[in-house]
């Protein structure tokens, strides 16, 4: 949800299109959780339920999918380039690779990855070493990102 707020805050200056959100609770729960967050507060964007499978954020339509199994997610059909893996569950190569198998081109894990085969990149620390050929990467932990500027 924090990523969505950053994305929306860029307005017309972003080249990113959010095409889907995976929420096991469905469209109504996804809409509510995007709008109201107990840590981040109320999202200022206009968040609406469009139909049984879509919400809009400031008029931008986003499909809501619902599966706890990444292999069942329609990433190929939706043309997904990048999955933001924020569940904390699929943080190793076998788990994160399920998103690739489902059709995504790349996976960004929002937690420390398990195993030495997934590179970690942190803005302001080593992001300049990112290799476009990396299919699965980690952005480390929120603590690491918070301390990196120091």
N, C-alpha and C. Protein backbone atom coordinates (compact mmCIF):
# COMPACT_ATOMS: atom_id res chain seq x y z
N UNK A 1 0.82 -1.20 0.00
CA UNK A 1 0.00 0.00 0.00
C UNK A 1 0.86 1.26 0.00
N UNK A 2 1.98 1.20 0.68
CA UNK A 2 2.88 2.35 0.67
C UNK A 2 3.38 2.63 -0.75
N UNK A 3 3.68 1.56 -1.48
CA UNK A 3 4.12 1.71 -2.87
C UNK A 3 3.04 2.42 -3.70
N UNK A 4 1.78 2.05 -3.49
CA UNK A 4 0.68 2.69 -4.23
C UNK A 4 0.62 4.18 -3.95
N UNK A 5 0.85 4.56 -2.71
CA UNK A 5 0.84 5.98 -2.35
C UNK A 5 1.99 6.73 -3.04
N UNK A 6 3.15 6.12 -3.07
CA UNK A 6 4.29 6.75 -3.76
C UNK A 6 4.00 6.87 -5.25
N UNK A 7 3.45 5.81 -5.83
CA UNK A 7 3.10 5.81 -7.25
C UNK A 7 2.09 6.92 -7.55
N UNK A 8 1.04 7.00 -6.76
CA UNK A 8 0.00 8.00 -6.99
C UNK A 8 0.56 9.42 -6.81
N UNK A 9 1.47 9.58 -5.87
CA UNK A 9 2.06 10.89 -5.62
C UNK A 9 2.88 11.43 -6.77
N UNK A 10 3.30 10.55 -7.66
CA UNK A 10 4.08 11.00 -8.83
C UNK A 10 3.18 11.60 -9.90
N UNK A 11 1.88 11.33 -9.82
CA UNK A 11 0.94 11.89 -10.79
C UNK A 11 1.31 11.53 -12.21
N UNK A 12 1.29 12.53 -13.07
CA UNK A 12 1.58 12.32 -14.49
C UNK A 12 3.07 12.10 -14.74
N UNK A 13 3.89 12.24 -13.72
CA UNK A 13 5.34 12.10 -13.89
C UNK A 13 5.82 10.66 -13.83
N UNK A 14 4.93 9.70 -13.73
CA UNK A 14 5.36 8.31 -13.62
C UNK A 14 5.19 7.57 -14.94
N UNK A 15 6.10 6.66 -15.18
CA UNK A 15 6.00 5.78 -16.34
C UNK A 15 5.43 4.43 -15.94
N UNK A 16 5.15 4.26 -14.64
CA UNK A 16 4.62 2.99 -14.14
C UNK A 16 3.11 2.94 -14.26
N UNK A 17 2.61 1.81 -14.67
CA UNK A 17 1.18 1.54 -14.65
C UNK A 17 0.93 0.40 -13.69
N UNK A 18 0.10 0.62 -12.70
CA UNK A 18 -0.28 -0.45 -11.79
C UNK A 18 -1.45 -1.16 -12.45
N UNK A 19 -1.27 -2.43 -12.79
CA UNK A 19 -2.33 -3.15 -13.50
C UNK A 19 -3.12 -4.07 -12.59
N UNK A 20 -2.53 -4.49 -11.45
CA UNK A 20 -3.24 -5.43 -10.59
C UNK A 20 -2.73 -5.35 -9.16
N UNK A 21 -3.63 -5.69 -8.26
CA UNK A 21 -3.31 -5.88 -6.84
C UNK A 21 -3.84 -7.25 -6.46
N UNK A 22 -3.01 -8.05 -5.81
CA UNK A 22 -3.45 -9.35 -5.33
C UNK A 22 -3.90 -9.20 -3.88
N UNK A 23 -5.18 -9.39 -3.64
CA UNK A 23 -5.74 -9.29 -2.29
C UNK A 23 -6.69 -10.45 -2.08
N UNK A 24 -6.36 -11.32 -1.15
CA UNK A 24 -7.17 -12.52 -0.94
C UNK A 24 -8.57 -12.21 -0.44
N UNK A 25 -8.82 -10.98 0.01
CA UNK A 25 -10.14 -10.60 0.50
C UNK A 25 -11.06 -10.04 -0.55
N UNK A 26 -10.58 -9.87 -1.77
CA UNK A 26 -11.42 -9.37 -2.84
C UNK A 26 -11.42 -7.86 -2.98
N UNK A 27 -12.27 -7.38 -3.87
CA UNK A 27 -12.25 -5.98 -4.28
C UNK A 27 -12.66 -5.01 -3.17
N UNK A 28 -13.66 -5.35 -2.38
CA UNK A 28 -14.11 -4.43 -1.32
C UNK A 28 -13.04 -4.29 -0.24
N UNK A 29 -12.44 -5.40 0.14
CA UNK A 29 -11.38 -5.34 1.15
C UNK A 29 -10.17 -4.59 0.61
N UNK A 30 -9.80 -4.87 -0.63
CA UNK A 30 -8.65 -4.19 -1.23
C UNK A 30 -8.87 -2.68 -1.25
N UNK A 31 -10.06 -2.27 -1.65
CA UNK A 31 -10.38 -0.84 -1.70
C UNK A 31 -10.26 -0.20 -0.32
N UNK A 32 -10.82 -0.86 0.67
CA UNK A 32 -10.78 -0.33 2.04
C UNK A 32 -9.34 -0.25 2.56
N UNK A 33 -8.56 -1.30 2.33
CA UNK A 33 -7.19 -1.32 2.85
C UNK A 33 -6.28 -0.32 2.13
N UNK A 34 -6.57 -0.05 0.86
CA UNK A 34 -5.81 0.98 0.16
C UNK A 34 -6.15 2.36 0.72
N UNK A 35 -7.43 2.60 0.96
CA UNK A 35 -7.88 3.92 1.43
C UNK A 35 -7.50 4.19 2.88
N UNK A 36 -7.66 3.17 3.74
CA UNK A 36 -7.45 3.37 5.17
C UNK A 36 -6.35 2.45 5.68
N UNK A 37 -5.32 3.02 6.26
CA UNK A 37 -4.19 2.25 6.77
C UNK A 37 -3.92 2.68 8.20
N UNK A 38 -3.81 1.72 9.10
CA UNK A 38 -3.62 2.05 10.52
C UNK A 38 -2.26 2.68 10.80
N UNK A 39 -1.30 2.50 9.92
CA UNK A 39 0.02 3.11 10.11
C UNK A 39 0.15 4.39 9.29
N UNK A 40 -0.24 4.32 8.02
CA UNK A 40 -0.06 5.45 7.11
C UNK A 40 -1.19 6.46 7.16
N UNK A 41 -2.32 6.08 7.76
CA UNK A 41 -3.47 6.98 7.82
C UNK A 41 -4.31 6.87 6.56
N UNK A 42 -5.21 7.82 6.40
CA UNK A 42 -6.12 7.82 5.26
C UNK A 42 -5.40 8.32 4.01
N UNK A 43 -5.55 7.56 2.94
CA UNK A 43 -4.96 7.89 1.64
C UNK A 43 -5.79 9.01 1.03
N UNK A 44 -5.15 10.10 0.65
CA UNK A 44 -5.86 11.27 0.12
C UNK A 44 -6.44 11.04 -1.27
N UNK A 45 -5.96 10.03 -1.97
CA UNK A 45 -6.45 9.76 -3.32
C UNK A 45 -7.91 9.32 -3.29
N UNK A 46 -8.57 9.49 -4.43
CA UNK A 46 -9.94 9.04 -4.60
C UNK A 46 -9.91 7.55 -4.93
N UNK A 47 -10.32 6.71 -3.98
CA UNK A 47 -10.31 5.26 -4.16
C UNK A 47 -11.75 4.78 -4.24
N UNK A 48 -12.10 4.09 -5.33
CA UNK A 48 -13.47 3.63 -5.54
C UNK A 48 -13.49 2.20 -6.05
N UNK A 49 -14.54 1.48 -5.70
CA UNK A 49 -14.81 0.17 -6.29
C UNK A 49 -15.53 0.44 -7.61
N UNK A 50 -15.00 -0.12 -8.70
CA UNK A 50 -15.62 0.05 -10.01
C UNK A 50 -16.62 -1.07 -10.27
N UNK A 51 -16.17 -2.31 -10.06
CA UNK A 51 -17.02 -3.48 -10.26
C UNK A 51 -16.47 -4.62 -9.41
N UNK A 52 -16.86 -5.85 -9.70
CA UNK A 52 -16.44 -6.99 -8.88
C UNK A 52 -14.95 -7.31 -8.97
N UNK A 53 -14.26 -6.75 -9.95
CA UNK A 53 -12.85 -7.08 -10.12
C UNK A 53 -11.92 -5.88 -10.27
N UNK A 54 -12.45 -4.67 -10.13
CA UNK A 54 -11.62 -3.48 -10.34
C UNK A 54 -11.90 -2.40 -9.31
N UNK A 55 -10.82 -1.70 -8.95
CA UNK A 55 -10.95 -0.46 -8.19
C UNK A 55 -10.31 0.64 -9.04
N UNK A 56 -10.53 1.88 -8.63
CA UNK A 56 -9.81 2.97 -9.28
C UNK A 56 -9.14 3.80 -8.20
N UNK A 57 -7.98 4.31 -8.53
CA UNK A 57 -7.25 5.24 -7.68
C UNK A 57 -7.06 6.50 -8.52
N UNK A 58 -7.72 7.57 -8.09
CA UNK A 58 -7.71 8.83 -8.85
C UNK A 58 -8.02 8.60 -10.32
N UNK A 59 -9.02 7.75 -10.57
CA UNK A 59 -9.49 7.50 -11.93
C UNK A 59 -8.71 6.46 -12.71
N UNK A 60 -7.65 5.91 -12.13
CA UNK A 60 -6.85 4.89 -12.82
C UNK A 60 -7.35 3.51 -12.41
N UNK A 61 -7.83 2.74 -13.36
CA UNK A 61 -8.40 1.42 -13.09
C UNK A 61 -7.31 0.40 -12.78
N UNK A 62 -7.56 -0.40 -11.73
CA UNK A 62 -6.63 -1.45 -11.31
C UNK A 62 -7.42 -2.72 -11.06
N UNK A 63 -6.99 -3.81 -11.67
CA UNK A 63 -7.67 -5.09 -11.47
C UNK A 63 -7.28 -5.70 -10.13
N UNK A 64 -8.27 -6.26 -9.44
CA UNK A 64 -8.02 -6.96 -8.18
C UNK A 64 -8.09 -8.45 -8.46
N UNK A 65 -7.00 -9.14 -8.17
CA UNK A 65 -6.95 -10.59 -8.32
C UNK A 65 -6.85 -11.18 -6.92
N UNK A 66 -7.17 -12.45 -6.80
CA UNK A 66 -7.24 -13.02 -5.46
C UNK A 66 -6.77 -14.47 -5.45
N UNK A 67 -5.49 -14.65 -5.12
CA UNK A 67 -4.96 -16.00 -4.98
C UNK A 67 -3.76 -15.97 -4.06
N UNK A 68 -3.69 -16.93 -3.17
CA UNK A 68 -2.53 -17.05 -2.30
C UNK A 68 -1.42 -17.86 -2.97
N UNK A 69 -1.71 -18.43 -4.12
CA UNK A 69 -0.73 -19.20 -4.88
C UNK A 69 -0.28 -18.38 -6.08
N UNK A 70 0.96 -17.89 -6.08
CA UNK A 70 1.43 -17.07 -7.20
C UNK A 70 1.30 -17.75 -8.57
N UNK A 71 1.35 -19.07 -8.60
CA UNK A 71 1.21 -19.78 -9.88
C UNK A 71 -0.17 -19.59 -10.48
N UNK A 72 -1.15 -19.23 -9.67
CA UNK A 72 -2.52 -19.04 -10.14
C UNK A 72 -2.83 -17.59 -10.53
N UNK A 73 -1.87 -16.71 -10.38
CA UNK A 73 -2.10 -15.30 -10.69
C UNK A 73 -1.95 -15.04 -12.19
N UNK A 74 -2.78 -14.16 -12.76
CA UNK A 74 -2.81 -13.96 -14.21
C UNK A 74 -1.78 -12.96 -14.73
N UNK A 75 -0.55 -13.07 -14.26
CA UNK A 75 0.46 -12.08 -14.63
C UNK A 75 0.71 -12.05 -16.15
N UNK A 76 0.73 -13.21 -16.78
CA UNK A 76 0.97 -13.24 -18.23
C UNK A 76 -0.17 -12.56 -18.98
N UNK A 77 -1.40 -12.91 -18.65
CA UNK A 77 -2.56 -12.33 -19.33
C UNK A 77 -2.64 -10.82 -19.13
N UNK A 78 -2.18 -10.34 -17.98
CA UNK A 78 -2.23 -8.91 -17.69
C UNK A 78 -1.00 -8.16 -18.18
N UNK A 79 -0.01 -8.88 -18.70
CA UNK A 79 1.20 -8.24 -19.19
C UNK A 79 2.05 -7.61 -18.10
N UNK A 80 2.11 -8.27 -16.95
CA UNK A 80 2.84 -7.72 -15.81
C UNK A 80 4.35 -7.82 -16.03
N UNK A 81 5.01 -6.69 -15.90
CA UNK A 81 6.47 -6.65 -16.02
C UNK A 81 7.14 -6.89 -14.67
N UNK A 82 6.60 -6.29 -13.62
CA UNK A 82 7.23 -6.33 -12.31
C UNK A 82 6.19 -6.63 -11.23
N UNK A 83 6.47 -7.62 -10.41
CA UNK A 83 5.64 -7.92 -9.24
C UNK A 83 6.36 -7.37 -8.02
N UNK A 84 5.65 -6.60 -7.22
CA UNK A 84 6.15 -6.15 -5.93
C UNK A 84 5.69 -7.21 -4.93
N UNK A 85 6.59 -8.07 -4.51
CA UNK A 85 6.27 -9.19 -3.60
C UNK A 85 6.40 -8.69 -2.17
N UNK A 86 5.25 -8.38 -1.56
CA UNK A 86 5.26 -7.80 -0.23
C UNK A 86 4.60 -8.66 0.83
N UNK A 87 4.38 -9.94 0.55
CA UNK A 87 3.71 -10.79 1.53
C UNK A 87 4.65 -11.25 2.64
N UNK A 88 5.95 -11.27 2.36
CA UNK A 88 6.90 -11.82 3.32
C UNK A 88 6.98 -13.34 3.26
N UNK A 89 6.21 -13.94 2.36
CA UNK A 89 6.17 -15.40 2.25
C UNK A 89 7.11 -15.91 1.16
N UNK A 90 7.08 -15.28 0.00
CA UNK A 90 7.82 -15.77 -1.17
C UNK A 90 9.14 -15.00 -1.30
N UNK A 91 10.04 -15.23 -0.35
CA UNK A 91 11.27 -14.45 -0.26
C UNK A 91 12.53 -15.24 -0.61
N UNK A 92 12.34 -16.41 -1.19
CA UNK A 92 13.48 -17.17 -1.68
C UNK A 92 13.26 -17.44 -3.16
N UNK A 93 14.26 -17.99 -3.82
CA UNK A 93 14.15 -18.21 -5.26
C UNK A 93 12.99 -19.12 -5.65
N UNK A 94 12.80 -20.27 -4.98
CA UNK A 94 11.66 -21.10 -5.37
C UNK A 94 10.31 -20.38 -5.22
N UNK A 95 10.15 -19.61 -4.17
CA UNK A 95 8.89 -18.90 -3.96
C UNK A 95 8.69 -17.75 -4.92
N UNK A 96 9.67 -16.86 -5.02
CA UNK A 96 9.55 -15.69 -5.89
C UNK A 96 9.47 -16.10 -7.36
N UNK A 97 10.11 -17.20 -7.72
CA UNK A 97 10.09 -17.68 -9.10
C UNK A 97 8.69 -18.07 -9.57
N UNK A 98 7.80 -18.34 -8.63
CA UNK A 98 6.42 -18.67 -9.01
C UNK A 98 5.77 -17.51 -9.76
N UNK A 99 6.12 -16.28 -9.39
CA UNK A 99 5.59 -15.11 -10.11
C UNK A 99 6.13 -15.08 -11.54
N UNK A 100 7.39 -15.47 -11.71
CA UNK A 100 7.99 -15.53 -13.05
C UNK A 100 7.29 -16.62 -13.86
N UNK A 101 7.07 -17.77 -13.24
CA UNK A 101 6.38 -18.88 -13.92
C UNK A 101 4.97 -18.48 -14.32
N UNK A 102 4.34 -17.59 -13.55
CA UNK A 102 2.98 -17.14 -13.85
C UNK A 102 2.97 -16.06 -14.93
N UNK A 103 4.15 -15.61 -15.36
CA UNK A 103 4.21 -14.68 -16.48
C UNK A 103 4.82 -13.32 -16.21
N UNK A 104 5.16 -13.01 -14.97
CA UNK A 104 5.82 -11.73 -14.68
C UNK A 104 7.26 -11.77 -15.18
N UNK A 105 7.78 -10.64 -15.56
CA UNK A 105 9.17 -10.58 -16.04
C UNK A 105 10.17 -10.50 -14.89
N UNK A 106 9.80 -9.76 -13.83
CA UNK A 106 10.71 -9.54 -12.71
C UNK A 106 9.93 -9.51 -11.40
N UNK A 107 10.67 -9.75 -10.30
CA UNK A 107 10.07 -9.72 -8.96
C UNK A 107 10.97 -8.88 -8.06
N UNK A 108 10.36 -7.95 -7.35
CA UNK A 108 11.05 -7.16 -6.33
C UNK A 108 10.51 -7.59 -4.97
N UNK A 109 11.35 -8.19 -4.16
CA UNK A 109 10.96 -8.63 -2.82
C UNK A 109 11.18 -7.47 -1.86
N UNK A 110 10.15 -7.15 -1.08
CA UNK A 110 10.23 -6.00 -0.17
C UNK A 110 10.69 -6.39 1.22
N UNK A 111 11.51 -7.41 1.29
CA UNK A 111 12.05 -7.91 2.56
C UNK A 111 13.43 -8.50 2.26
N UNK A 112 14.21 -8.77 3.28
CA UNK A 112 15.47 -9.46 3.03
C UNK A 112 15.20 -10.84 2.43
N UNK A 113 15.88 -11.15 1.34
CA UNK A 113 15.68 -12.45 0.69
C UNK A 113 16.42 -13.53 1.46
N UNK A 114 15.89 -14.74 1.36
CA UNK A 114 16.57 -15.91 1.93
C UNK A 114 17.42 -16.53 0.84
N UNK A 115 18.67 -16.79 1.17
CA UNK A 115 19.58 -17.39 0.20
C UNK A 115 20.51 -16.36 -0.39
N UNK A 116 21.63 -16.84 -0.87
CA UNK A 116 22.65 -15.96 -1.43
C UNK A 116 22.47 -15.69 -2.92
N UNK A 117 21.46 -16.30 -3.53
CA UNK A 117 21.31 -16.19 -4.98
C UNK A 117 20.44 -15.01 -5.42
N UNK A 118 19.85 -14.28 -4.47
CA UNK A 118 19.02 -13.12 -4.80
C UNK A 118 19.78 -11.86 -4.37
N UNK A 119 20.15 -11.01 -5.32
CA UNK A 119 20.88 -9.80 -4.95
C UNK A 119 19.98 -8.79 -4.23
N UNK A 120 20.60 -8.02 -3.35
CA UNK A 120 19.90 -6.98 -2.61
C UNK A 120 20.43 -5.63 -3.05
N UNK A 121 19.51 -4.72 -3.37
CA UNK A 121 19.88 -3.37 -3.78
C UNK A 121 19.15 -2.37 -2.89
N UNK A 122 19.89 -1.38 -2.42
CA UNK A 122 19.34 -0.33 -1.57
C UNK A 122 19.71 1.02 -2.18
N UNK A 123 18.69 1.87 -2.41
CA UNK A 123 18.96 3.20 -2.96
C UNK A 123 19.90 3.96 -2.05
N UNK A 124 20.88 4.59 -2.65
CA UNK A 124 21.85 5.35 -1.89
C UNK A 124 23.00 4.52 -1.35
N UNK A 125 22.93 3.21 -1.54
CA UNK A 125 23.99 2.32 -1.05
C UNK A 125 24.64 1.60 -2.23
N UNK A 126 23.86 0.79 -2.94
CA UNK A 126 24.44 0.01 -4.03
C UNK A 126 23.51 -0.13 -5.24
N UNK A 127 22.51 0.72 -5.34
CA UNK A 127 21.56 0.62 -6.45
C UNK A 127 22.24 0.79 -7.81
N UNK A 128 23.39 1.46 -7.83
CA UNK A 128 24.12 1.65 -9.08
C UNK A 128 24.71 0.34 -9.61
N UNK A 129 24.70 -0.70 -8.79
CA UNK A 129 25.23 -2.00 -9.20
C UNK A 129 24.14 -2.91 -9.77
N UNK A 130 22.90 -2.42 -9.81
CA UNK A 130 21.78 -3.22 -10.33
C UNK A 130 22.08 -3.68 -11.75
N UNK A 131 21.80 -4.97 -11.98
CA UNK A 131 21.96 -5.55 -13.31
C UNK A 131 20.57 -5.80 -13.90
N UNK A 132 20.33 -5.27 -15.07
CA UNK A 132 19.03 -5.44 -15.71
C UNK A 132 18.69 -6.91 -15.93
N UNK A 133 19.70 -7.74 -15.99
CA UNK A 133 19.48 -9.18 -16.20
C UNK A 133 18.92 -9.87 -14.95
N UNK A 134 18.99 -9.22 -13.78
CA UNK A 134 18.44 -9.82 -12.56
C UNK A 134 16.93 -9.96 -12.69
N UNK A 135 16.43 -11.15 -12.48
CA UNK A 135 14.98 -11.39 -12.55
C UNK A 135 14.31 -11.22 -11.20
N UNK A 136 15.02 -11.56 -10.14
CA UNK A 136 14.48 -11.45 -8.78
C UNK A 136 15.49 -10.68 -7.95
N UNK A 137 15.01 -9.62 -7.30
CA UNK A 137 15.89 -8.83 -6.44
C UNK A 137 15.18 -8.52 -5.13
N UNK A 138 15.97 -8.15 -4.13
CA UNK A 138 15.43 -7.73 -2.84
C UNK A 138 15.78 -6.26 -2.63
N UNK A 139 14.88 -5.56 -1.95
CA UNK A 139 15.12 -4.16 -1.58
C UNK A 139 15.48 -4.06 -0.10
N UNK A 140 15.90 -5.18 0.49
CA UNK A 140 16.29 -5.27 1.91
C UNK A 140 15.08 -5.04 2.80
N UNK A 141 15.32 -4.56 3.99
CA UNK A 141 14.25 -4.35 4.96
C UNK A 141 13.94 -2.87 5.11
N UNK A 142 12.81 -2.57 5.74
CA UNK A 142 12.47 -1.17 6.00
C UNK A 142 13.50 -0.54 6.92
N UNK A 143 14.04 -1.31 7.85
CA UNK A 143 15.07 -0.79 8.76
C UNK A 143 16.32 -0.42 7.98
N UNK A 144 16.74 -1.30 7.07
CA UNK A 144 17.92 -1.02 6.25
C UNK A 144 17.71 0.24 5.43
N UNK A 145 16.56 0.37 4.80
CA UNK A 145 16.28 1.55 3.99
C UNK A 145 16.20 2.81 4.83
N UNK A 146 15.71 2.68 6.06
CA UNK A 146 15.64 3.83 6.95
C UNK A 146 17.01 4.29 7.43
N UNK A 147 17.92 3.36 7.62
CA UNK A 147 19.26 3.69 8.10
C UNK A 147 20.25 4.02 6.99
N UNK A 148 19.95 3.62 5.77
CA UNK A 148 20.88 3.80 4.66
C UNK A 148 21.38 5.24 4.48
N UNK A 149 20.53 6.25 4.65
CA UNK A 149 21.03 7.63 4.47
C UNK A 149 22.09 8.04 5.48
N UNK A 150 22.17 7.35 6.60
CA UNK A 150 23.13 7.71 7.63
C UNK A 150 24.46 7.08 7.34
